[in-house]
Amino acid sequence: MGEHKLHQQETKNSQKSSLKGTLISVFLVGFFIIFTWFSVYQIFVNRL
């Protein structure tokens, strides 16, 4: 019984860290996309 409860806690902790990593990855990809669009827009405006 004790081992079963311990296994549940480990699973919860690993899920939280997995979600934290996912959130960081999503933000990094989002910032990269925004930076890319902004850079392309600046190139476009400078060539007008």
PDB file of N, CA and C in Angstrom:
ATOM      1  N   MET A   1       0.823  -1.200   0.000  1.00  0.00           N
ATOM      2  CA  MET A   1       0.000   0.000   0.000  1.00  0.00           C
ATOM      3  C   MET A   1       0.866   1.262   0.000  1.00  0.00           C
ATOM      4  N   GLY A   2       1.881   1.287   0.836  1.00  0.00           N
ATOM      5  CA  GLY A   2       2.724   2.467   0.910  1.00  0.00           C
ATOM      6  C   GLY A   2       3.420   2.766  -0.404  1.00  0.00           C
ATOM      7  N   GLU A   3       3.829   1.725  -1.099  1.00  0.00           N
ATOM      8  CA  GLU A   3       4.512   1.920  -2.377  1.00  0.00           C
ATOM      9  C   GLU A   3       3.558   2.507  -3.419  1.00  0.00           C
ATOM     10  N   HIS A   4       2.303   2.108  -3.370  1.00  0.00           N
ATOM     11  CA  HIS A   4       1.327   2.605  -4.342  1.00  0.00           C
ATOM     12  C   HIS A   4       1.127   4.116  -4.181  1.00  0.00           C
ATOM     13  N   LYS A   5       1.029   4.600  -2.946  1.00  0.00           N
ATOM     14  CA  LYS A   5       0.864   6.034  -2.710  1.00  0.00           C
ATOM     15  C   LYS A   5       2.111   6.798  -3.145  1.00  0.00           C
ATOM     16  N   LEU A   6       3.276   6.230  -2.887  1.00  0.00           N
ATOM     17  CA  LEU A   6       4.517   6.874  -3.282  1.00  0.00           C
ATOM     18  C   LEU A   6       4.581   7.007  -4.801  1.00  0.00           C
ATOM     19  N   HIS A   7       4.151   5.992  -5.504  1.00  0.00           N
ATOM     20  CA  HIS A   7       4.162   6.017  -6.970  1.00  0.00           C
ATOM     21  C   HIS A   7       3.211   7.094  -7.495  1.00  0.00           C
ATOM     22  N   GLN A   8       2.081   7.298  -6.847  1.00  0.00           N
ATOM     23  CA  GLN A   8       1.137   8.334  -7.283  1.00  0.00           C
ATOM     24  C   GLN A   8       1.747   9.721  -7.121  1.00  0.00           C
ATOM     25  N   GLN A   9       2.471   9.956  -6.036  1.00  0.00           N
ATOM     26  CA  GLN A   9       3.089  11.262  -5.819  1.00  0.00           C
ATOM     27  C   GLN A   9       4.168  11.532  -6.860  1.00  0.00           C
ATOM     28  N   GLU A  10       4.954  10.517  -7.195  1.00  0.00           N
ATOM     29  CA  GLU A  10       5.983  10.696  -8.209  1.00  0.00           C
ATOM     30  C   GLU A  10       5.355  11.041  -9.551  1.00  0.00           C
ATOM     31  N   THR A  11       4.239  10.405  -9.865  1.00  0.00           N
ATOM     32  CA  THR A  11       3.559  10.668 -11.131  1.00  0.00           C
ATOM     33  C   THR A  11       3.056  12.108 -11.169  1.00  0.00           C
ATOM     34  N   LYS A  12       2.482  12.592 -10.070  1.00  0.00           N
ATOM     35  CA  LYS A  12       1.986  13.969 -10.029  1.00  0.00           C
ATOM     36  C   LYS A  12       3.129  14.960 -10.217  1.00  0.00           C
ATOM     37  N   ASN A  13       4.258  14.712  -9.550  1.00  0.00           N
ATOM     38  CA  ASN A  13       5.396  15.615  -9.675  1.00  0.00           C
ATOM     39  C   ASN A  13       5.954  15.612 -11.091  1.00  0.00           C
ATOM     40  N   SER A  14       6.038  14.452 -11.709  1.00  0.00           N
ATOM     41  CA  SER A  14       6.577  14.399 -13.066  1.00  0.00           C
ATOM     42  C   SER A  14       5.618  15.067 -14.049  1.00  0.00           C
ATOM     43  N   GLN A  15       4.320  14.985 -13.810  1.00  0.00           N
ATOM     44  CA  GLN A  15       3.362  15.655 -14.687  1.00  0.00           C
ATOM     45  C   GLN A  15       3.496  17.167 -14.563  1.00  0.00           C
ATOM     46  N   LYS A  16       3.693  17.669 -13.347  1.00  0.00           N
ATOM     47  CA  LYS A  16       3.840  19.110 -13.154  1.00  0.00           C
ATOM     48  C   LYS A  16       5.097  19.617 -13.843  1.00  0.00           C
ATOM     49  N   SER A  17       6.213  18.914 -13.703  1.00  0.00           N
ATOM     50  CA  SER A  17       7.442  19.362 -14.344  1.00  0.00           C
ATOM     51  C   SER A  17       7.325  19.247 -15.857  1.00  0.00           C
ATOM     52  N   SER A  18       6.609  18.236 -16.332  1.00  0.00           N
ATOM     53  CA  SER A  18       6.409  18.091 -17.771  1.00  0.00           C
ATOM     54  C   SER A  18       5.591  19.262 -18.300  1.00  0.00           C
ATOM     55  N   LEU A  19       4.571  19.664 -17.576  1.00  0.00           N
ATOM     56  CA  LEU A  19       3.752  20.801 -18.002  1.00  0.00           C
ATOM     57  C   LEU A  19       4.544  22.100 -17.937  1.00  0.00           C
ATOM     58  N   LYS A  20       5.419  22.213 -16.950  1.00  0.00           N
ATOM     59  CA  LYS A  20       6.246  23.408 -16.838  1.00  0.00           C
ATOM     60  C   LYS A  20       7.180  23.513 -18.044  1.00  0.00           C
ATOM     61  N   GLY A  21       7.763  22.408 -18.441  1.00  0.00           N
ATOM     62  CA  GLY A  21       8.624  22.387 -19.620  1.00  0.00           C
ATOM     63  C   GLY A  21       7.851  22.698 -20.884  1.00  0.00           C
ATOM     64  N   THR A  22       6.625  22.195 -20.956  1.00  0.00           N
ATOM     65  CA  THR A  22       5.780  22.471 -22.120  1.00  0.00           C
ATOM     66  C   THR A  22       5.461  23.954 -22.198  1.00  0.00           C
ATOM     67  N   LEU A  23       5.138  24.563 -21.078  1.00  0.00           N
ATOM     68  CA  LEU A  23       4.826  25.995 -21.053  1.00  0.00           C
ATOM     69  C   LEU A  23       6.023  26.821 -21.511  1.00  0.00           C
ATOM     70  N   ILE A  24       7.200  26.484 -21.020  1.00  0.00           N
ATOM     71  CA  ILE A  24       8.410  27.209 -21.417  1.00  0.00           C
ATOM     72  C   ILE A  24       8.657  27.052 -22.912  1.00  0.00           C
ATOM     73  N   SER A  25       8.474  25.849 -23.417  1.00  0.00           N
ATOM     74  CA  SER A  25       8.671  25.603 -24.853  1.00  0.00           C
ATOM     75  C   SER A  25       7.688  26.408 -25.695  1.00  0.00           C
ATOM     76  N   VAL A  26       6.438  26.452 -25.273  1.00  0.00           N
ATOM     77  CA  VAL A  26       5.422  27.207 -26.014  1.00  0.00           C
ATOM     78  C   VAL A  26       5.768  28.694 -26.026  1.00  0.00           C
ATOM     79  N   PHE A  27       6.199  29.230 -24.887  1.00  0.00           N
ATOM     80  CA  PHE A  27       6.582  30.640 -24.843  1.00  0.00           C
ATOM     81  C   PHE A  27       7.785  30.922 -25.738  1.00  0.00           C
ATOM     82  N   LEU A  28       8.775  30.043 -25.725  1.00  0.00           N
ATOM     83  CA  LEU A  28       9.952  30.255 -26.564  1.00  0.00           C
ATOM     84  C   LEU A  28       9.589  30.242 -28.044  1.00  0.00           C
ATOM     85  N   VAL A  29       8.770  29.293 -28.446  1.00  0.00           N
ATOM     86  CA  VAL A  29       8.344  29.231 -29.848  1.00  0.00           C
ATOM     87  C   VAL A  29       7.511  30.465 -30.197  1.00  0.00           C
ATOM     88  N   GLY A  30       6.635  30.879 -29.298  1.00  0.00           N
ATOM     89  CA  GLY A  30       5.812  32.067 -29.530  1.00  0.00           C
ATOM     90  C   GLY A  30       6.653  33.322 -29.678  1.00  0.00           C
ATOM     91  N   PHE A  31       7.639  33.502 -28.796  1.00  0.00           N
ATOM     92  CA  PHE A  31       8.512  34.671 -28.902  1.00  0.00           C
ATOM     93  C   PHE A  31       9.322  34.632 -30.193  1.00  0.00           C
ATOM     94  N   PHE A  32       9.754  33.454 -30.599  1.00  0.00           N
ATOM     95  CA  PHE A  32      10.501  33.330 -31.854  1.00  0.00           C
ATOM     96  C   PHE A  32       9.635  33.738 -33.045  1.00  0.00           C
ATOM     97  N   ILE A  33       8.377  33.293 -33.049  1.00  0.00           N
ATOM     98  CA  ILE A  33       7.468  33.645 -34.148  1.00  0.00           C
ATOM     99  C   ILE A  33       7.206  35.151 -34.163  1.00  0.00           C
ATOM    100  N   ILE A  34       6.953  35.735 -32.997  1.00  0.00           N
ATOM    101  CA  ILE A  34       6.704  37.182 -32.919  1.00  0.00           C
ATOM    102  C   ILE A  34       7.937  37.958 -33.377  1.00  0.00           C
ATOM    103  N   PHE A  35       9.114  37.539 -32.933  1.00  0.00           N
ATOM    104  CA  PHE A  35      10.354  38.204 -33.330  1.00  0.00           C
ATOM    105  C   PHE A  35      10.564  38.111 -34.838  1.00  0.00           C
ATOM    106  N   THR A  36      10.285  36.947 -35.404  1.00  0.00           N
ATOM    107  CA  THR A  36      10.445  36.757 -36.848  1.00  0.00           C
ATOM    108  C   THR A  36       9.498  37.666 -37.623  1.00  0.00           C
ATOM    109  N   TRP A  37       8.231  37.706 -37.229  1.00  0.00           N
ATOM    110  CA  TRP A  37       7.260  38.564 -37.914  1.00  0.00           C
ATOM    111  C   TRP A  37       7.645  40.037 -37.779  1.00  0.00           C
ATOM    112  N   PHE A  38       8.080  40.434 -36.602  1.00  0.00           N
ATOM    113  CA  PHE A  38       8.479  41.826 -36.393  1.00  0.00           C
ATOM    114  C   PHE A  38       9.685  42.174 -37.258  1.00  0.00           C
ATOM    115  N   SER A  39      10.642  41.271 -37.351  1.00  0.00           N
ATOM    116  CA  SER A  39      11.827  41.506 -38.177  1.00  0.00           C
ATOM    117  C   SER A  39      11.458  41.644 -39.647  1.00  0.00           C
ATOM    118  N   VAL A  40      10.606  40.772 -40.137  1.00  0.00           N
ATOM    119  CA  VAL A  40      10.178  40.841 -41.537  1.00  0.00           C
ATOM    120  C   VAL A  40       9.407  42.135 -41.779  1.00  0.00           C
ATOM    121  N   TYR A  41       8.579  42.541 -40.843  1.00  0.00           N
ATOM    122  CA  TYR A  41       7.827  43.795 -40.983  1.00  0.00           C
ATOM    123  C   TYR A  41       8.778  44.992 -41.048  1.00  0.00           C
ATOM    124  N   GLN A  42       9.808  44.981 -40.204  1.00  0.00           N
ATOM    125  CA  GLN A  42      10.781  46.076 -40.222  1.00  0.00           C
ATOM    126  C   GLN A  42      11.516  46.135 -41.556  1.00  0.00           C
ATOM    127  N   ILE A  43      11.883  45.001 -42.098  1.00  0.00           N
ATOM    128  CA  ILE A  43      12.528  44.972 -43.419  1.00  0.00           C
ATOM    129  C   ILE A  43      11.582  45.550 -44.469  1.00  0.00           C
ATOM    130  N   PHE A  44      10.318  45.161 -44.413  1.00  0.00           N
ATOM    131  CA  PHE A  44       9.320  45.661 -45.364  1.00  0.00           C
ATOM    132  C   PHE A  44       9.174  47.179 -45.264  1.00  0.00           C
ATOM    133  N   VAL A  45       9.063  47.704 -44.053  1.00  0.00           N
ATOM    134  CA  VAL A  45       8.875  49.141 -43.853  1.00  0.00           C
ATOM    135  C   VAL A  45      10.115  49.906 -44.311  1.00  0.00           C
ATOM    136  N   ASN A  46      11.294  49.383 -44.050  1.00  0.00           N
ATOM    137  CA  ASN A  46      12.524  50.076 -44.442  1.00  0.00           C
ATOM    138  C   ASN A  46      12.702  50.131 -45.952  1.00  0.00           C
ATOM    139  N   ARG A  47      12.111  49.211 -46.674  1.00  0.00           N
ATOM    140  CA  ARG A  47      12.264  49.194 -48.131  1.00  0.00           C
ATOM    141  C   ARG A  47      11.220  50.045 -48.844  1.00  0.00           C
ATOM    142  N   LEU A  48      10.261  50.602 -48.121  1.00  0.00           N
ATOM    143  CA  LEU A  48       9.239  51.445 -48.761  1.00  0.00           C
ATOM    144  C   LEU A  48       9.809  52.789 -49.171  1.00  0.00           C
TER     145      LEU A  48
END
